């Protein structure tokens, strides 16, 4: 998972907010993948479903970081 830099409190608020949002999304992906559940995301203006199997590959990538 992505870890914040040591100087996180010195970063601008918008940078910290983006980091927090990315961390929250990573947690959701990992949680849903572990449960074998899907999520819905928007791609090219359309809502698509990502299966639990597809999420597992993404969760594995996140956990290796």
Protein backbone atom coordinates (compact mmCIF):
# COMPACT_ATOMS: atom_id res chain seq x y z
CA UNK A 1 0.00 0.00 0.00
CA UNK A 2 1.04 3.56 -0.57
CA UNK A 3 2.69 5.14 2.46
CA UNK A 4 2.68 8.90 3.01
CA UNK A 5 6.02 10.72 2.98
CA UNK A 6 7.60 11.80 6.27
CA UNK A 7 6.83 15.45 5.54
CA UNK A 8 3.12 14.87 4.81
CA UNK A 9 1.99 17.69 7.11
CA UNK A 10 4.14 20.16 5.17
CA UNK A 11 2.40 19.36 1.88
CA UNK A 12 -0.43 21.54 0.55
CA UNK A 13 -3.93 20.55 1.61
CA UNK A 14 -5.00 19.56 -1.92
CA UNK A 15 -2.04 17.15 -2.21
CA UNK A 16 -2.88 15.57 1.14
CA UNK A 17 -6.54 15.27 0.13
CA UNK A 18 -5.59 13.48 -3.09
CA UNK A 19 -3.30 11.12 -1.17
CA UNK A 20 -6.11 10.34 1.28
CA UNK A 21 -8.56 9.64 -1.55
CA UNK A 22 -6.11 7.29 -3.27
CA UNK A 23 -5.49 5.44 0.01
CA UNK A 24 -9.24 5.06 0.56
CA UNK A 25 -9.73 3.67 -2.96
CA UNK A 26 -6.88 1.19 -2.42
CA UNK A 27 -8.55 -0.02 0.78
CA UNK A 28 -11.88 -0.52 -1.00
CA UNK A 29 -10.24 -2.45 -3.83
CA UNK A 30 -8.42 -4.73 -1.39
CA UNK A 31 -11.52 -5.26 0.74
CA UNK A 32 -13.80 -6.07 -2.20
CA UNK A 33 -11.19 -8.36 -3.78
CA UNK A 34 -10.77 -10.30 -0.52
CA UNK A 35 -14.52 -10.79 -0.33
CA UNK A 36 -14.76 -11.76 -4.00
CA UNK A 37 -17.16 -8.90 -4.68
CA UNK A 38 -17.28 -6.59 -7.67
CA UNK A 39 -17.23 -2.79 -7.90
CA UNK A 40 -18.57 -0.41 -10.49
CA UNK A 41 -16.40 2.33 -11.99
CA UNK A 42 -16.74 4.88 -14.75
CA UNK A 43 -14.62 4.36 -17.86
CA UNK A 44 -14.95 6.45 -21.00
CA UNK A 45 -18.18 7.94 -19.70
CA UNK A 46 -19.81 4.57 -19.07
CA UNK A 47 -20.29 2.60 -15.87
CA UNK A 48 -18.63 -0.81 -15.99
CA UNK A 49 -18.41 -3.63 -13.49
CA UNK A 50 -15.05 -4.97 -12.36
CA UNK A 51 -15.38 -8.53 -11.16
CA UNK A 52 -13.82 -9.87 -7.99
CA UNK A 53 -11.29 -11.75 -10.10
CA UNK A 54 -10.24 -8.56 -11.89
CA UNK A 55 -9.95 -6.77 -8.56
CA UNK A 56 -7.74 -9.51 -7.15
CA UNK A 57 -4.99 -8.70 -9.65
CA UNK A 58 -5.21 -5.01 -8.74
CA UNK A 59 -5.22 -5.81 -5.01
CA UNK A 60 -2.11 -7.97 -5.42
CA UNK A 61 -0.36 -5.09 -7.20
CA UNK A 62 -1.32 -2.63 -4.45
CA UNK A 63 -0.13 -4.93 -1.67
CA UNK A 64 3.26 -5.42 -3.36
CA UNK A 65 3.96 -1.67 -3.24
